[in-house]
N, C-alpha and C. Protein backbone atom coordinates (compact mmCIF):
# COMPACT_ATOMS: atom_id res chain seq x y z
N MET A 1 -14.78 120.24 315.48
CA MET A 1 -14.08 121.05 316.44
C MET A 1 -12.74 120.41 316.77
N GLN A 2 -11.70 121.21 316.86
CA GLN A 2 -10.36 120.75 317.22
C GLN A 2 -10.34 120.35 318.69
N ARG A 3 -9.77 119.19 318.95
CA ARG A 3 -9.66 118.71 320.34
C ARG A 3 -8.72 119.63 321.12
N LYS A 4 -9.11 119.99 322.34
CA LYS A 4 -8.30 120.83 323.22
C LYS A 4 -7.76 119.96 324.34
N GLY A 5 -6.47 119.74 324.33
CA GLY A 5 -5.85 118.98 325.41
C GLY A 5 -5.81 119.80 326.69
N LEU A 6 -5.88 119.12 327.79
CA LEU A 6 -5.87 119.76 329.10
C LEU A 6 -4.68 119.24 329.92
N VAL A 7 -4.37 119.95 330.99
CA VAL A 7 -3.44 119.46 331.99
C VAL A 7 -4.23 119.32 333.28
N MET A 8 -4.26 118.09 333.79
CA MET A 8 -5.04 117.77 334.97
C MET A 8 -4.10 117.23 336.05
N VAL A 9 -4.27 117.71 337.27
CA VAL A 9 -3.44 117.29 338.40
C VAL A 9 -4.34 116.68 339.46
N TYR A 10 -3.97 115.46 339.87
CA TYR A 10 -4.62 114.80 341.01
C TYR A 10 -3.57 114.70 342.10
N THR A 11 -3.80 115.37 343.21
CA THR A 11 -2.82 115.43 344.29
C THR A 11 -3.52 115.32 345.63
N GLY A 12 -2.76 115.35 346.70
CA GLY A 12 -3.33 115.30 348.04
C GLY A 12 -2.85 114.07 348.79
N ASP A 13 -3.20 114.02 350.07
CA ASP A 13 -2.72 112.93 350.93
C ASP A 13 -3.69 111.75 350.97
N GLY A 14 -4.79 111.82 350.25
CA GLY A 14 -5.78 110.75 350.29
C GLY A 14 -5.56 109.69 349.24
N LYS A 15 -6.28 108.60 349.39
CA LYS A 15 -6.22 107.47 348.47
C LYS A 15 -7.15 107.72 347.29
N GLY A 16 -6.67 107.43 346.08
CA GLY A 16 -7.56 107.49 344.92
C GLY A 16 -7.06 108.32 343.76
N LYS A 17 -5.86 108.84 343.83
CA LYS A 17 -5.33 109.68 342.73
C LYS A 17 -5.08 108.86 341.47
N THR A 18 -4.39 107.74 341.63
CA THR A 18 -4.15 106.87 340.48
C THR A 18 -5.47 106.29 339.98
N THR A 19 -6.34 105.93 340.91
CA THR A 19 -7.64 105.38 340.53
C THR A 19 -8.44 106.38 339.69
N ALA A 20 -8.41 107.65 340.05
CA ALA A 20 -9.10 108.68 339.26
C ALA A 20 -8.50 108.76 337.86
N ALA A 21 -7.18 108.72 337.77
CA ALA A 21 -6.53 108.77 336.46
C ALA A 21 -6.91 107.55 335.62
N MET A 22 -7.02 106.38 336.25
CA MET A 22 -7.40 105.18 335.50
C MET A 22 -8.84 105.27 335.01
N GLY A 23 -9.68 105.98 335.74
CA GLY A 23 -11.03 106.22 335.25
C GLY A 23 -11.01 107.03 333.97
N LEU A 24 -10.13 108.02 333.89
CA LEU A 24 -9.98 108.79 332.65
C LEU A 24 -9.45 107.93 331.52
N VAL A 25 -8.52 107.02 331.84
CA VAL A 25 -8.00 106.09 330.84
C VAL A 25 -9.14 105.26 330.27
N LEU A 26 -9.96 104.72 331.13
CA LEU A 26 -11.09 103.91 330.71
C LEU A 26 -12.04 104.72 329.82
N ARG A 27 -12.33 105.93 330.24
CA ARG A 27 -13.21 106.80 329.47
C ARG A 27 -12.62 107.11 328.08
N ALA A 28 -11.33 107.46 328.05
CA ALA A 28 -10.68 107.78 326.77
C ALA A 28 -10.68 106.58 325.83
N LEU A 29 -10.37 105.40 326.35
CA LEU A 29 -10.38 104.20 325.51
C LEU A 29 -11.77 103.92 324.97
N GLY A 30 -12.79 104.24 325.75
CA GLY A 30 -14.16 104.07 325.28
C GLY A 30 -14.50 104.97 324.10
N HIS A 31 -13.72 106.02 323.92
CA HIS A 31 -13.89 106.93 322.79
C HIS A 31 -12.82 106.71 321.72
N ASP A 32 -12.19 105.53 321.76
CA ASP A 32 -11.15 105.16 320.78
C ASP A 32 -9.98 106.13 320.76
N GLN A 33 -9.68 106.71 321.89
CA GLN A 33 -8.51 107.59 321.97
C GLN A 33 -7.26 106.78 322.28
N ARG A 34 -6.14 107.34 321.89
CA ARG A 34 -4.84 106.70 322.12
C ARG A 34 -4.33 107.11 323.50
N VAL A 35 -3.90 106.11 324.29
CA VAL A 35 -3.56 106.35 325.69
C VAL A 35 -2.18 105.77 326.02
N LEU A 36 -1.41 106.57 326.76
CA LEU A 36 -0.14 106.13 327.33
C LEU A 36 -0.19 106.36 328.83
N VAL A 37 0.14 105.33 329.60
CA VAL A 37 0.24 105.43 331.05
C VAL A 37 1.70 105.20 331.41
N VAL A 38 2.32 106.18 332.05
CA VAL A 38 3.69 106.06 332.52
C VAL A 38 3.64 106.09 334.04
N GLN A 39 4.06 105.00 334.66
CA GLN A 39 4.07 104.94 336.12
C GLN A 39 5.49 105.12 336.62
N PHE A 40 5.71 106.20 337.34
CA PHE A 40 7.01 106.49 337.92
C PHE A 40 7.13 105.78 339.26
N MET A 41 8.30 105.23 339.53
CA MET A 41 8.64 104.61 340.81
C MET A 41 7.78 103.39 341.12
N LYS A 42 7.18 102.78 340.12
CA LYS A 42 6.38 101.58 340.33
C LYS A 42 6.92 100.49 339.40
N GLY A 43 7.48 99.45 340.01
CA GLY A 43 8.01 98.36 339.23
C GLY A 43 7.30 97.04 339.47
N ARG A 44 6.57 96.98 340.57
CA ARG A 44 5.87 95.73 340.88
C ARG A 44 4.52 95.71 340.17
N PRO A 45 3.99 94.52 339.92
CA PRO A 45 2.68 94.44 339.27
C PRO A 45 1.59 95.09 340.12
N THR A 46 0.71 95.82 339.48
CA THR A 46 -0.44 96.41 340.15
C THR A 46 -1.70 95.96 339.42
N GLY A 47 -2.81 95.98 340.11
CA GLY A 47 -4.07 95.54 339.51
C GLY A 47 -4.45 96.34 338.29
N GLU A 48 -4.22 97.67 338.35
CA GLU A 48 -4.62 98.50 337.21
C GLU A 48 -3.77 98.21 335.98
N VAL A 49 -2.48 97.97 336.17
CA VAL A 49 -1.61 97.67 335.03
C VAL A 49 -1.94 96.30 334.46
N GLU A 50 -2.15 95.32 335.33
CA GLU A 50 -2.51 93.99 334.86
C GLU A 50 -3.83 94.01 334.09
N ALA A 51 -4.80 94.76 334.59
CA ALA A 51 -6.09 94.86 333.91
C ALA A 51 -5.94 95.53 332.54
N LEU A 52 -5.17 96.60 332.48
CA LEU A 52 -4.96 97.26 331.19
C LEU A 52 -4.29 96.31 330.20
N ARG A 53 -3.26 95.65 330.63
CA ARG A 53 -2.54 94.73 329.72
C ARG A 53 -3.41 93.57 329.27
N ARG A 54 -4.24 93.05 330.17
CA ARG A 54 -5.07 91.89 329.85
C ARG A 54 -6.32 92.25 329.06
N PHE A 55 -7.02 93.31 329.47
CA PHE A 55 -8.33 93.60 328.91
C PHE A 55 -8.37 94.80 327.97
N LEU A 56 -7.40 95.69 328.09
CA LEU A 56 -7.37 96.90 327.26
C LEU A 56 -5.96 97.10 326.68
N PRO A 57 -5.52 96.13 325.88
CA PRO A 57 -4.14 96.19 325.38
C PRO A 57 -3.88 97.35 324.42
N GLN A 58 -4.92 98.05 324.00
CA GLN A 58 -4.70 99.21 323.14
C GLN A 58 -4.07 100.38 323.90
N ALA A 59 -4.11 100.33 325.23
CA ALA A 59 -3.42 101.34 326.05
C ALA A 59 -1.96 100.91 326.19
N ASP A 60 -1.06 101.82 325.97
CA ASP A 60 0.35 101.55 326.18
C ASP A 60 0.70 101.88 327.63
N VAL A 61 1.42 100.98 328.28
CA VAL A 61 1.77 101.14 329.69
C VAL A 61 3.27 101.00 329.84
N LEU A 62 3.86 101.93 330.56
CA LEU A 62 5.29 101.89 330.84
C LEU A 62 5.48 102.04 332.35
N GLN A 63 5.96 101.00 332.98
CA GLN A 63 6.32 101.07 334.40
C GLN A 63 7.81 101.33 334.48
N CYS A 64 8.19 102.36 335.19
CA CYS A 64 9.61 102.72 335.24
C CYS A 64 10.06 102.84 336.68
N GLY A 65 10.20 101.71 337.27
CA GLY A 65 10.69 101.69 338.63
C GLY A 65 11.11 100.30 339.01
N ARG A 66 11.70 100.21 340.17
CA ARG A 66 12.10 98.90 340.69
C ARG A 66 11.06 98.43 341.68
N ASP A 67 11.19 97.19 342.08
CA ASP A 67 10.26 96.59 343.02
C ASP A 67 10.68 96.89 344.47
N VAL A 68 11.13 98.13 344.69
CA VAL A 68 11.53 98.59 346.02
C VAL A 68 11.08 100.04 346.16
N PHE A 69 10.97 100.50 347.39
CA PHE A 69 10.64 101.90 347.61
C PHE A 69 11.87 102.76 347.35
N VAL A 70 11.64 103.93 346.77
CA VAL A 70 12.72 104.87 346.51
C VAL A 70 13.01 105.64 347.79
N ASN A 71 14.28 105.80 348.10
CA ASN A 71 14.70 106.57 349.26
C ASN A 71 14.53 108.06 348.93
N ALA A 72 13.59 108.70 349.59
CA ALA A 72 13.28 110.11 349.29
C ALA A 72 14.46 111.02 349.55
N ASP A 73 15.25 110.71 350.56
CA ASP A 73 16.37 111.58 350.94
C ASP A 73 17.62 111.32 350.12
N ASN A 74 17.75 110.12 349.57
CA ASN A 74 18.94 109.75 348.82
C ASN A 74 18.58 108.71 347.76
N PRO A 75 17.91 109.15 346.68
CA PRO A 75 17.49 108.17 345.66
C PRO A 75 18.70 107.54 344.98
N ASP A 76 18.55 106.26 344.68
CA ASP A 76 19.60 105.51 343.98
C ASP A 76 19.71 106.04 342.54
N GLU A 77 20.90 105.99 342.02
CA GLU A 77 21.15 106.47 340.65
C GLU A 77 20.27 105.75 339.63
N ILE A 78 20.00 104.46 339.84
CA ILE A 78 19.17 103.71 338.90
C ILE A 78 17.73 104.23 338.91
N ASP A 79 17.24 104.65 340.08
CA ASP A 79 15.89 105.20 340.16
C ASP A 79 15.80 106.51 339.38
N ILE A 80 16.83 107.33 339.47
CA ILE A 80 16.88 108.59 338.73
C ILE A 80 16.90 108.30 337.23
N ARG A 81 17.75 107.37 336.82
CA ARG A 81 17.86 107.05 335.39
C ARG A 81 16.54 106.48 334.84
N LEU A 82 15.92 105.56 335.57
CA LEU A 82 14.65 104.97 335.11
C LEU A 82 13.58 106.05 334.95
N ALA A 83 13.49 106.95 335.92
CA ALA A 83 12.48 108.01 335.86
C ALA A 83 12.75 108.96 334.70
N ARG A 84 13.98 109.36 334.52
CA ARG A 84 14.31 110.30 333.45
C ARG A 84 14.13 109.69 332.07
N ASP A 85 14.47 108.41 331.92
CA ASP A 85 14.25 107.73 330.64
C ASP A 85 12.77 107.68 330.30
N ALA A 86 11.95 107.35 331.29
CA ALA A 86 10.50 107.29 331.06
C ALA A 86 9.94 108.68 330.75
N PHE A 87 10.44 109.68 331.46
CA PHE A 87 9.98 111.04 331.21
C PHE A 87 10.32 111.47 329.78
N GLU A 88 11.50 111.12 329.31
CA GLU A 88 11.88 111.47 327.94
C GLU A 88 10.97 110.79 326.92
N ARG A 89 10.58 109.55 327.18
CA ARG A 89 9.66 108.87 326.28
C ARG A 89 8.30 109.59 326.26
N ALA A 90 7.83 109.99 327.44
CA ALA A 90 6.56 110.72 327.51
C ALA A 90 6.68 112.07 326.81
N ARG A 91 7.81 112.73 326.98
CA ARG A 91 8.01 114.03 326.33
C ARG A 91 7.97 113.90 324.80
N ARG A 92 8.69 112.91 324.29
CA ARG A 92 8.68 112.70 322.82
C ARG A 92 7.27 112.40 322.32
N ALA A 93 6.57 111.53 323.03
CA ALA A 93 5.21 111.15 322.62
C ALA A 93 4.27 112.36 322.65
N SER A 94 4.38 113.21 323.66
CA SER A 94 3.48 114.36 323.75
C SER A 94 3.84 115.43 322.73
N ASN A 95 5.11 115.59 322.43
CA ASN A 95 5.52 116.58 321.43
C ASN A 95 5.14 116.15 320.02
N ARG A 96 5.10 114.83 319.78
CA ARG A 96 4.69 114.32 318.46
C ARG A 96 3.18 114.19 318.35
N GLY A 97 2.49 114.17 319.48
CA GLY A 97 1.04 113.98 319.45
C GLY A 97 0.65 112.54 319.21
N ASP A 98 1.49 111.60 319.66
CA ASP A 98 1.23 110.17 319.46
C ASP A 98 0.00 109.68 320.23
N TYR A 99 -0.35 110.38 321.30
CA TYR A 99 -1.44 109.95 322.18
C TYR A 99 -2.38 111.12 322.43
N ASP A 100 -3.63 110.78 322.70
CA ASP A 100 -4.62 111.78 323.10
C ASP A 100 -4.52 112.05 324.60
N LEU A 101 -4.19 111.01 325.37
CA LEU A 101 -4.13 111.09 326.83
C LEU A 101 -2.83 110.45 327.30
N ILE A 102 -2.07 111.20 328.08
CA ILE A 102 -0.85 110.67 328.69
C ILE A 102 -0.97 110.87 330.19
N VAL A 103 -0.93 109.75 330.92
CA VAL A 103 -0.99 109.78 332.38
C VAL A 103 0.43 109.63 332.91
N LEU A 104 0.86 110.58 333.70
CA LEU A 104 2.17 110.55 334.35
C LEU A 104 1.92 110.25 335.83
N ASP A 105 1.78 108.97 336.12
CA ASP A 105 1.37 108.52 337.44
C ASP A 105 2.53 108.62 338.43
N GLU A 106 2.30 109.29 339.53
CA GLU A 106 3.26 109.53 340.61
C GLU A 106 4.39 110.49 340.20
N ILE A 107 4.18 111.26 339.15
CA ILE A 107 5.23 112.20 338.74
C ILE A 107 5.43 113.30 339.78
N ASN A 108 4.37 113.67 340.49
CA ASN A 108 4.54 114.70 341.53
C ASN A 108 5.51 114.23 342.61
N VAL A 109 5.44 112.96 342.96
CA VAL A 109 6.35 112.39 343.95
C VAL A 109 7.76 112.29 343.35
N ALA A 110 7.84 111.89 342.08
CA ALA A 110 9.15 111.80 341.42
C ALA A 110 9.85 113.17 341.40
N ILE A 111 9.08 114.23 341.23
CA ILE A 111 9.65 115.58 341.29
C ILE A 111 10.12 115.87 342.71
N ASP A 112 9.28 115.59 343.68
CA ASP A 112 9.59 115.85 345.08
C ASP A 112 10.86 115.11 345.53
N TYR A 113 11.07 113.90 345.01
CA TYR A 113 12.23 113.09 345.37
C TYR A 113 13.48 113.46 344.57
N GLY A 114 13.33 114.36 343.60
CA GLY A 114 14.48 114.77 342.80
C GLY A 114 14.80 113.87 341.63
N LEU A 115 13.87 112.98 341.26
CA LEU A 115 14.10 112.09 340.12
C LEU A 115 13.87 112.82 338.81
N ILE A 116 12.92 113.74 338.81
CA ILE A 116 12.53 114.53 337.64
C ILE A 116 12.61 115.99 338.04
N ASN A 117 13.03 116.83 337.11
CA ASN A 117 13.13 118.26 337.37
C ASN A 117 11.77 118.91 337.10
N GLU A 118 11.28 119.66 338.06
CA GLU A 118 9.99 120.33 337.90
C GLU A 118 9.98 121.24 336.67
N ARG A 119 11.07 121.91 336.42
CA ARG A 119 11.17 122.80 335.26
C ARG A 119 10.90 122.03 333.95
N ASP A 120 11.39 120.78 333.87
CA ASP A 120 11.15 119.97 332.68
C ASP A 120 9.68 119.62 332.52
N VAL A 121 9.02 119.37 333.63
CA VAL A 121 7.59 119.04 333.58
C VAL A 121 6.78 120.27 333.16
N LEU A 122 7.12 121.42 333.71
CA LEU A 122 6.43 122.65 333.31
C LEU A 122 6.65 122.93 331.82
N GLU A 123 7.84 122.67 331.34
CA GLU A 123 8.12 122.85 329.91
C GLU A 123 7.29 121.88 329.07
N LEU A 124 7.19 120.64 329.52
CA LEU A 124 6.37 119.65 328.82
C LEU A 124 4.92 120.11 328.73
N MET A 125 4.42 120.68 329.81
CA MET A 125 3.04 121.16 329.83
C MET A 125 2.83 122.24 328.76
N GLU A 126 3.85 123.02 328.50
CA GLU A 126 3.76 124.11 327.51
C GLU A 126 4.00 123.64 326.09
N THR A 127 4.90 122.68 325.89
CA THR A 127 5.33 122.32 324.54
C THR A 127 4.61 121.12 323.94
N ARG A 128 3.76 120.45 324.71
CA ARG A 128 3.04 119.30 324.17
C ARG A 128 2.16 119.75 323.00
N GLN A 129 1.79 118.82 322.16
CA GLN A 129 0.84 119.13 321.10
C GLN A 129 -0.46 119.62 321.74
N PRO A 130 -1.11 120.59 321.16
CA PRO A 130 -2.31 121.17 321.78
C PRO A 130 -3.46 120.19 322.02
N SER A 131 -3.46 119.08 321.31
CA SER A 131 -4.54 118.11 321.47
C SER A 131 -4.29 117.09 322.57
N VAL A 132 -3.09 117.08 323.14
CA VAL A 132 -2.71 116.07 324.13
C VAL A 132 -3.13 116.51 325.53
N THR A 133 -3.85 115.62 326.20
CA THR A 133 -4.19 115.84 327.60
C THR A 133 -3.17 115.12 328.46
N LEU A 134 -2.62 115.86 329.43
CA LEU A 134 -1.67 115.30 330.39
C LEU A 134 -2.35 115.19 331.75
N VAL A 135 -2.13 114.08 332.42
CA VAL A 135 -2.62 113.88 333.78
C VAL A 135 -1.42 113.61 334.66
N LEU A 136 -1.26 114.42 335.70
CA LEU A 136 -0.16 114.29 336.65
C LEU A 136 -0.75 113.86 337.98
N THR A 137 -0.26 112.73 338.51
CA THR A 137 -0.77 112.27 339.79
C THR A 137 0.34 112.25 340.83
N GLY A 138 -0.07 112.16 342.08
CA GLY A 138 0.86 112.00 343.19
C GLY A 138 0.71 113.09 344.22
N ARG A 139 1.10 112.75 345.42
CA ARG A 139 1.08 113.70 346.54
C ARG A 139 2.01 114.86 346.24
N GLY A 140 1.73 115.97 346.86
CA GLY A 140 2.68 117.07 346.90
C GLY A 140 2.89 117.83 345.62
N ALA A 141 1.88 117.94 344.76
CA ALA A 141 2.04 118.76 343.56
C ALA A 141 2.37 120.18 343.99
N SER A 142 3.41 120.74 343.41
CA SER A 142 3.85 122.08 343.79
C SER A 142 2.83 123.14 343.38
N GLN A 143 2.95 124.30 343.98
CA GLN A 143 2.08 125.42 343.62
C GLN A 143 2.26 125.79 342.15
N ARG A 144 3.49 125.73 341.65
CA ARG A 144 3.75 126.07 340.24
C ARG A 144 3.04 125.11 339.30
N LEU A 145 3.08 123.81 339.61
CA LEU A 145 2.37 122.83 338.78
C LEU A 145 0.87 123.08 338.83
N GLN A 146 0.36 123.35 340.01
CA GLN A 146 -1.07 123.58 340.15
C GLN A 146 -1.51 124.83 339.39
N GLU A 147 -0.72 125.87 339.45
CA GLU A 147 -1.06 127.10 338.73
C GLU A 147 -1.03 126.91 337.22
N ALA A 148 -0.15 126.06 336.72
CA ALA A 148 -0.02 125.84 335.28
C ALA A 148 -1.08 124.88 334.73
N ALA A 149 -1.76 124.15 335.61
CA ALA A 149 -2.74 123.14 335.19
C ALA A 149 -4.09 123.78 334.88
N ASP A 150 -4.89 123.05 334.10
CA ASP A 150 -6.26 123.48 333.81
C ASP A 150 -7.23 122.99 334.88
N LEU A 151 -6.90 121.88 335.52
CA LEU A 151 -7.75 121.29 336.55
C LEU A 151 -6.85 120.74 337.64
N VAL A 152 -7.21 121.00 338.88
CA VAL A 152 -6.50 120.42 340.02
C VAL A 152 -7.55 119.86 340.96
N SER A 153 -7.41 118.58 341.28
CA SER A 153 -8.27 117.95 342.27
C SER A 153 -7.40 117.46 343.41
N GLU A 154 -7.83 117.78 344.62
CA GLU A 154 -7.10 117.32 345.79
C GLU A 154 -7.89 116.20 346.45
N VAL A 155 -7.23 115.08 346.61
CA VAL A 155 -7.83 113.94 347.29
C VAL A 155 -7.32 114.00 348.73
N ARG A 156 -8.24 114.19 349.66
CA ARG A 156 -7.87 114.42 351.05
C ARG A 156 -8.28 113.23 351.90
N GLU A 157 -7.34 112.77 352.71
CA GLU A 157 -7.66 111.67 353.62
C GLU A 157 -8.47 112.19 354.80
N ILE A 158 -9.60 111.57 355.01
CA ILE A 158 -10.41 111.84 356.19
C ILE A 158 -10.29 110.66 357.16
N LYS A 159 -10.33 109.47 356.59
CA LYS A 159 -10.20 108.24 357.38
C LYS A 159 -9.62 107.18 356.44
N HIS A 160 -8.72 106.37 356.95
CA HIS A 160 -8.12 105.31 356.14
C HIS A 160 -8.02 104.04 356.96
N HIS A 161 -8.37 102.93 356.36
CA HIS A 161 -8.39 101.64 357.07
C HIS A 161 -7.02 101.19 357.57
N TRP A 162 -5.94 101.65 356.95
CA TRP A 162 -4.62 101.23 357.43
C TRP A 162 -4.32 101.76 358.83
N ARG A 163 -4.98 102.85 359.20
CA ARG A 163 -4.79 103.39 360.57
C ARG A 163 -5.43 102.47 361.61
N GLN A 164 -6.30 101.56 361.14
CA GLN A 164 -6.90 100.57 362.04
C GLN A 164 -6.10 99.27 362.03
N GLY A 165 -4.94 99.29 361.36
CA GLY A 165 -4.09 98.11 361.30
C GLY A 165 -4.39 97.16 360.17
N ILE A 166 -5.24 97.57 359.25
CA ILE A 166 -5.57 96.71 358.11
C ILE A 166 -4.52 96.93 357.03
N PRO A 167 -3.78 95.88 356.66
CA PRO A 167 -2.70 96.05 355.68
C PRO A 167 -3.23 96.27 354.26
N ALA A 168 -2.32 96.70 353.38
CA ALA A 168 -2.65 96.90 351.97
C ALA A 168 -3.19 95.60 351.38
N GLN A 169 -4.20 95.73 350.53
CA GLN A 169 -4.88 94.57 349.97
C GLN A 169 -4.89 94.65 348.44
N ALA A 170 -4.70 93.50 347.81
CA ALA A 170 -4.82 93.40 346.36
C ALA A 170 -6.22 93.83 345.95
N GLY A 171 -6.30 94.61 344.92
CA GLY A 171 -7.59 95.09 344.43
C GLY A 171 -8.07 96.36 345.10
N ILE A 172 -7.42 96.72 346.20
CA ILE A 172 -7.76 97.97 346.90
C ILE A 172 -6.60 98.96 346.81
N GLU A 173 -5.44 98.57 347.29
CA GLU A 173 -4.27 99.46 347.27
C GLU A 173 -3.39 99.22 346.05
N HIS A 174 -3.42 98.06 345.50
CA HIS A 174 -2.54 97.77 344.35
C HIS A 174 -3.18 96.81 343.39
């Protein structure tokens, strides 16, 4: 049977969108599938990236961001360039069918901040090789992205430990 690629969106205000995508990465690698993870707006080391590089080097990982937060109202030109360069790499890979699974981590936020054009992402969803599964993560996925996807999961915050004053922790938040 011919593999059918899907478009999956993990969005919402809760914690766990990237973690869910990494679960799919782990599952795909267990089936000897080719995986690309592109992290938008993330330049600092994270536990998931370090684990992939150390224990699952067959997954290709591209972090395209600086070690600072992007200004949502006025993104720096370098942040725009880094995001667009990474998006072009993902577009080429999906159009060629180089990977079975491509995770575009935080792309929904990159669209919201104006780093990536939503129209380009919708086009990518249509023009990718039919066997390529795309995963889009991040808060604020637009209605258009959700309608174009095969699966949408919303991660909703009910309670979060940071509201109790507990700061971000290695192995939990990053």
